[in-house]
Amino acid sequence: MIGVVFNLLGRGAGIFVIIGLIYSLAVLVPNLAAGTRRLHDTGKSGWFLLLALIPILGWIAVIVFLAQAGNPGPNQYGNPTV
């Protein structure tokens, strides 16, 4: 969300584009880690996040996978996180 704001502000001044790029790179790894943990909670591999590279249909598939209920007990990735 904040990245979108920086991109909109960047149309008027170049510094916001740079700040937006730095912010996007800073939150990339934590977002990938959280998405992978969430997919592991549902019993799926973190590699399913790569489906987001497919425009529109891939995004929808990843959102559906992330929105599914997690497994109540342990799975191949370990115990469920709180």
N, C-alpha and C. Protein backbone atom coordinates (compact mmCIF):
# COMPACT_ATOMS: atom_id res chain seq x y z
N MET A 1 0.82 -1.19 0.00
CA MET A 1 0.00 0.00 0.00
C MET A 1 0.87 1.26 0.00
N ILE A 2 1.88 1.25 0.84
CA ILE A 2 2.76 2.41 0.91
C ILE A 2 3.53 2.56 -0.40
N GLY A 3 3.90 1.44 -1.01
CA GLY A 3 4.59 1.49 -2.30
C GLY A 3 3.76 2.17 -3.37
N VAL A 4 2.44 1.95 -3.34
CA VAL A 4 1.54 2.59 -4.30
C VAL A 4 1.55 4.10 -4.08
N VAL A 5 1.54 4.53 -2.82
CA VAL A 5 1.56 5.97 -2.52
C VAL A 5 2.85 6.60 -3.05
N PHE A 6 3.99 5.92 -2.82
CA PHE A 6 5.25 6.46 -3.32
C PHE A 6 5.26 6.53 -4.84
N ASN A 7 4.70 5.53 -5.49
CA ASN A 7 4.65 5.55 -6.95
C ASN A 7 3.77 6.68 -7.47
N LEU A 8 2.65 6.94 -6.81
CA LEU A 8 1.79 8.05 -7.22
C LEU A 8 2.47 9.39 -7.00
N LEU A 9 3.16 9.52 -5.87
CA LEU A 9 3.88 10.76 -5.61
C LEU A 9 5.07 10.91 -6.54
N GLY A 10 5.63 9.81 -7.00
CA GLY A 10 6.80 9.83 -7.85
C GLY A 10 6.57 10.42 -9.22
N ARG A 11 5.33 10.54 -9.61
CA ARG A 11 5.05 11.14 -10.92
C ARG A 11 5.44 12.60 -10.97
N GLY A 12 5.47 13.24 -9.80
CA GLY A 12 5.82 14.66 -9.77
C GLY A 12 7.28 14.90 -9.45
N ALA A 13 7.89 14.02 -8.64
CA ALA A 13 9.29 14.22 -8.24
C ALA A 13 9.99 12.87 -8.21
N GLY A 14 11.20 12.84 -8.72
CA GLY A 14 11.95 11.60 -8.85
C GLY A 14 12.37 10.97 -7.53
N ILE A 15 12.49 11.76 -6.46
CA ILE A 15 12.94 11.22 -5.19
C ILE A 15 11.96 10.20 -4.64
N PHE A 16 10.67 10.40 -4.90
CA PHE A 16 9.67 9.45 -4.40
C PHE A 16 9.77 8.11 -5.12
N VAL A 17 10.18 8.11 -6.35
CA VAL A 17 10.38 6.86 -7.09
C VAL A 17 11.50 6.07 -6.43
N ILE A 18 12.58 6.74 -6.07
CA ILE A 18 13.71 6.07 -5.43
C ILE A 18 13.31 5.55 -4.05
N ILE A 19 12.59 6.37 -3.28
CA ILE A 19 12.13 5.93 -1.96
C ILE A 19 11.19 4.74 -2.09
N GLY A 20 10.31 4.79 -3.08
CA GLY A 20 9.38 3.68 -3.30
C GLY A 20 10.11 2.40 -3.69
N LEU A 21 11.14 2.50 -4.50
CA LEU A 21 11.93 1.34 -4.89
C LEU A 21 12.66 0.75 -3.68
N ILE A 22 13.26 1.59 -2.88
CA ILE A 22 13.96 1.12 -1.68
C ILE A 22 12.97 0.45 -0.72
N TYR A 23 11.80 1.04 -0.54
CA TYR A 23 10.79 0.45 0.33
C TYR A 23 10.34 -0.91 -0.21
N SER A 24 10.10 -1.00 -1.50
CA SER A 24 9.65 -2.26 -2.09
C SER A 24 10.69 -3.35 -1.92
N LEU A 25 11.95 -3.02 -2.10
CA LEU A 25 13.01 -4.00 -1.90
C LEU A 25 13.14 -4.39 -0.43
N ALA A 26 12.91 -3.45 0.48
CA ALA A 26 13.03 -3.74 1.91
C ALA A 26 11.94 -4.68 2.40
N VAL A 27 10.76 -4.62 1.84
CA VAL A 27 9.67 -5.47 2.32
C VAL A 27 9.51 -6.75 1.49
N LEU A 28 10.33 -6.94 0.47
CA LEU A 28 10.20 -8.12 -0.39
C LEU A 28 10.46 -9.41 0.38
N VAL A 29 11.58 -9.52 1.05
CA VAL A 29 11.93 -10.76 1.76
C VAL A 29 10.96 -11.06 2.90
N PRO A 30 10.60 -10.08 3.76
CA PRO A 30 9.62 -10.39 4.80
C PRO A 30 8.26 -10.84 4.24
N ASN A 31 7.83 -10.26 3.13
CA ASN A 31 6.57 -10.68 2.53
C ASN A 31 6.65 -12.10 1.98
N LEU A 32 7.76 -12.45 1.36
CA LEU A 32 7.95 -13.81 0.87
C LEU A 32 7.99 -14.80 2.03
N ALA A 33 8.64 -14.43 3.13
CA ALA A 33 8.72 -15.32 4.29
C ALA A 33 7.34 -15.53 4.91
N ALA A 34 6.57 -14.47 5.05
CA ALA A 34 5.23 -14.60 5.63
C ALA A 34 4.32 -15.42 4.72
N GLY A 35 4.41 -15.21 3.42
CA GLY A 35 3.59 -15.98 2.49
C GLY A 35 3.96 -17.46 2.51
N THR A 36 5.26 -17.74 2.60
CA THR A 36 5.70 -19.13 2.66
C THR A 36 5.23 -19.80 3.94
N ARG A 37 5.33 -19.11 5.07
CA ARG A 37 4.84 -19.66 6.34
C ARG A 37 3.34 -19.94 6.27
N ARG A 38 2.61 -19.03 5.65
CA ARG A 38 1.16 -19.21 5.54
C ARG A 38 0.82 -20.41 4.66
N LEU A 39 1.52 -20.55 3.54
CA LEU A 39 1.28 -21.71 2.68
C LEU A 39 1.67 -23.00 3.39
N HIS A 40 2.74 -22.98 4.19
CA HIS A 40 3.11 -24.17 4.95
C HIS A 40 2.03 -24.52 5.97
N ASP A 41 1.36 -23.52 6.55
CA ASP A 41 0.26 -23.78 7.48
C ASP A 41 -0.88 -24.53 6.79
N THR A 42 -1.06 -24.32 5.51
CA THR A 42 -2.13 -25.00 4.77
C THR A 42 -1.65 -26.29 4.13
N GLY A 43 -0.38 -26.65 4.34
CA GLY A 43 0.14 -27.90 3.80
C GLY A 43 0.65 -27.79 2.37
N LYS A 44 0.87 -26.58 1.90
CA LYS A 44 1.36 -26.37 0.53
C LYS A 44 2.79 -25.87 0.56
N SER A 45 3.49 -26.08 -0.52
CA SER A 45 4.86 -25.61 -0.63
C SER A 45 4.90 -24.09 -0.85
N GLY A 46 5.96 -23.47 -0.37
CA GLY A 46 6.14 -22.04 -0.58
C GLY A 46 6.36 -21.67 -2.03
N TRP A 47 6.71 -22.65 -2.85
CA TRP A 47 6.93 -22.40 -4.27
C TRP A 47 5.64 -21.99 -4.98
N PHE A 48 4.49 -22.23 -4.35
CA PHE A 48 3.22 -21.81 -4.95
C PHE A 48 3.15 -20.28 -5.07
N LEU A 49 3.98 -19.56 -4.33
CA LEU A 49 4.00 -18.10 -4.47
C LEU A 49 4.43 -17.67 -5.86
N LEU A 50 5.16 -18.53 -6.55
CA LEU A 50 5.59 -18.20 -7.91
C LEU A 50 4.41 -18.11 -8.89
N LEU A 51 3.26 -18.66 -8.50
CA LEU A 51 2.08 -18.52 -9.35
C LEU A 51 1.69 -17.06 -9.54
N ALA A 52 2.09 -16.21 -8.60
CA ALA A 52 1.77 -14.79 -8.69
C ALA A 52 2.44 -14.14 -9.90
N LEU A 53 3.42 -14.80 -10.48
CA LEU A 53 4.07 -14.26 -11.67
C LEU A 53 3.18 -14.37 -12.91
N ILE A 54 2.14 -15.20 -12.84
CA ILE A 54 1.18 -15.33 -13.93
C ILE A 54 0.14 -14.23 -13.74
N PRO A 55 0.00 -13.33 -14.68
CA PRO A 55 -0.93 -12.21 -14.51
C PRO A 55 -2.36 -12.69 -14.27
N ILE A 56 -3.05 -12.01 -13.40
CA ILE A 56 -4.45 -12.15 -13.03
C ILE A 56 -4.79 -13.53 -12.47
N LEU A 57 -4.75 -14.59 -13.28
CA LEU A 57 -5.13 -15.92 -12.79
C LEU A 57 -4.17 -16.41 -11.71
N GLY A 58 -2.90 -16.15 -11.85
CA GLY A 58 -1.93 -16.54 -10.83
C GLY A 58 -2.15 -15.80 -9.53
N TRP A 59 -2.46 -14.51 -9.64
CA TRP A 59 -2.72 -13.71 -8.44
C TRP A 59 -3.93 -14.25 -7.70
N ILE A 60 -4.98 -14.56 -8.45
CA ILE A 60 -6.20 -15.09 -7.84
C ILE A 60 -5.91 -16.41 -7.15
N ALA A 61 -5.14 -17.29 -7.80
CA ALA A 61 -4.81 -18.59 -7.22
C ALA A 61 -4.04 -18.42 -5.91
N VAL A 62 -3.07 -17.51 -5.88
CA VAL A 62 -2.28 -17.30 -4.67
C VAL A 62 -3.16 -16.74 -3.55
N ILE A 63 -4.05 -15.83 -3.88
CA ILE A 63 -4.95 -15.27 -2.87
C ILE A 63 -5.84 -16.36 -2.29
N VAL A 64 -6.36 -17.24 -3.15
CA VAL A 64 -7.20 -18.35 -2.68
C VAL A 64 -6.40 -19.27 -1.76
N PHE A 65 -5.17 -19.60 -2.16
CA PHE A 65 -4.33 -20.48 -1.33
C PHE A 65 -4.03 -19.84 0.02
N LEU A 66 -3.75 -18.55 0.03
CA LEU A 66 -3.43 -17.87 1.28
C LEU A 66 -4.65 -17.70 2.18
N ALA A 67 -5.84 -17.67 1.61
CA ALA A 67 -7.06 -17.47 2.38
C ALA A 67 -7.64 -18.76 2.95
N GLN A 68 -7.12 -19.91 2.51
CA GLN A 68 -7.64 -21.17 3.01
C GLN A 68 -7.31 -21.35 4.48
N ALA A 69 -8.15 -22.13 5.16
CA ALA A 69 -7.92 -22.43 6.57
C ALA A 69 -6.69 -23.32 6.70
N GLY A 70 -5.93 -23.11 7.74
CA GLY A 70 -4.74 -23.92 7.99
C GLY A 70 -5.09 -25.28 8.55
N ASN A 71 -4.12 -26.18 8.49
CA ASN A 71 -4.31 -27.50 9.07
C ASN A 71 -4.33 -27.38 10.59
N PRO A 72 -5.27 -28.05 11.27
CA PRO A 72 -5.34 -27.92 12.72
C PRO A 72 -4.18 -28.59 13.45
N GLY A 73 -3.55 -29.58 12.83
CA GLY A 73 -2.44 -30.29 13.47
C GLY A 73 -1.17 -30.17 12.67
N PRO A 74 -0.15 -30.89 13.09
CA PRO A 74 1.12 -30.85 12.36
C PRO A 74 0.99 -31.42 10.95
N ASN A 75 1.82 -30.93 10.05
CA ASN A 75 1.88 -31.46 8.69
C ASN A 75 3.34 -31.67 8.33
N GLN A 76 3.64 -31.89 7.07
CA GLN A 76 5.01 -32.17 6.67
C GLN A 76 5.97 -31.02 6.93
N TYR A 77 5.44 -29.81 7.17
CA TYR A 77 6.27 -28.64 7.42
C TYR A 77 6.42 -28.33 8.90
N GLY A 78 5.82 -29.15 9.77
CA GLY A 78 5.95 -28.95 11.21
C GLY A 78 4.62 -28.59 11.86
N ASN A 79 4.71 -28.10 13.08
CA ASN A 79 3.53 -27.72 13.85
C ASN A 79 2.96 -26.40 13.30
N PRO A 80 1.64 -26.21 13.45
CA PRO A 80 1.05 -24.95 12.98
C PRO A 80 1.52 -23.77 13.82
N THR A 81 1.68 -22.62 13.18
CA THR A 81 2.06 -21.42 13.90
C THR A 81 0.82 -20.76 14.46
N VAL A 82 1.01 -19.96 15.46
CA VAL A 82 -0.12 -19.31 16.13
C VAL A 82 -0.62 -18.13 15.36
